[in-house]
Protein backbone atom coordinates (compact mmCIF):
# COMPACT_ATOMS: atom_id res chain seq x y z
CA MET A 1 -15.47 69.91 51.39
CA TYR A 2 -16.50 66.73 49.70
CA SER A 3 -18.70 66.86 46.64
CA SER A 4 -21.73 64.63 46.30
CA GLU A 5 -19.93 62.63 43.57
CA ASN A 6 -17.10 61.77 45.97
CA ILE A 7 -19.54 60.64 48.65
CA ILE A 8 -21.44 58.44 46.18
CA TYR A 9 -18.14 56.91 45.03
CA VAL A 10 -17.16 56.07 48.62
CA PHE A 11 -20.51 54.34 49.30
CA TYR A 12 -20.22 52.48 45.97
CA THR A 13 -16.73 51.16 46.71
CA LYS A 14 -17.72 50.10 50.24
CA GLY A 15 -20.66 48.22 48.76
CA LEU A 16 -18.37 46.43 46.31
CA ARG A 17 -15.98 45.50 49.10
CA TYR A 18 -18.84 44.00 51.12
CA PHE A 19 -20.07 42.11 48.05
CA LYS A 20 -16.63 40.50 47.56
CA GLU A 21 -16.20 39.70 51.26
CA ARG A 22 -19.68 38.32 51.95
CA PRO A 23 -19.72 34.72 53.23
CA VAL A 24 -20.82 31.93 50.89
CA ASP A 25 -21.62 28.46 52.19
CA VAL A 26 -19.31 25.83 50.62
CA ALA A 27 -19.39 22.07 51.17
CA CYS A 28 -16.35 19.83 50.78
CA PRO A 29 -16.88 17.44 47.85
CA VAL A 30 -15.50 14.47 49.84
CA CYS A 31 -16.59 14.79 53.48
CA GLU A 32 -19.43 17.32 52.86
CA TYR A 33 -18.29 19.52 55.76
CA ARG A 34 -19.84 22.97 55.29
CA ALA A 35 -17.90 26.18 55.90
CA ASP A 36 -18.18 29.83 54.90
CA GLN A 37 -15.73 31.20 52.35
CA LYS A 38 -15.38 34.73 50.95
CA ALA A 39 -17.20 35.30 47.68
CA GLY A 40 -14.10 36.94 46.21
CA LYS A 41 -12.12 33.71 46.65
CA LEU A 42 -14.81 31.75 44.85
CA ARG A 43 -14.94 34.22 41.99
CA GLN A 44 -11.15 34.06 41.53
CA ASP A 45 -11.33 30.24 41.57
CA ALA A 46 -8.74 30.14 44.37
CA VAL A 47 -7.77 26.81 45.91
CA LEU A 48 -9.87 26.10 49.01
CA GLU A 49 -9.07 23.74 51.88
CA SER A 50 -11.64 21.71 53.78
CA PRO A 51 -11.18 22.33 57.54
CA ALA A 52 -12.32 18.79 58.33
CA CYS A 53 -10.40 16.51 55.93
CA ARG A 54 -7.79 18.99 54.58
CA LEU A 55 -8.73 18.28 50.95
CA LEU A 56 -7.61 20.98 48.49
CA PHE A 57 -10.12 21.78 45.73
CA ARG A 58 -11.14 24.56 43.37
CA PRO A 59 -14.69 25.96 43.31
CA SER A 60 -14.94 25.32 39.55
CA GLU A 61 -14.42 21.59 40.18
CA CYS A 62 -17.05 21.41 42.90
CA TRP A 63 -20.78 20.82 42.42
CA CYS A 64 -21.56 21.72 46.03
CA ILE A 65 -21.07 25.52 46.09
CA GLY A 66 -23.88 27.56 47.58
CA GLY A 67 -27.28 26.87 49.18
């Protein structure tokens, strides 16, 4: 049988996974095309590619992240 602590841990880790994988609206700094990216990629400052103009940029260099 599972203890209540194990069940709470499973729900907690699933919640963290969703938090990292939730979509965040990002606009390309050149062409302003908007696309969803995973929040975990933004937090890691991974290189992103604009689907419209193929520009490579980092979230830390971009003023247009979010809303």
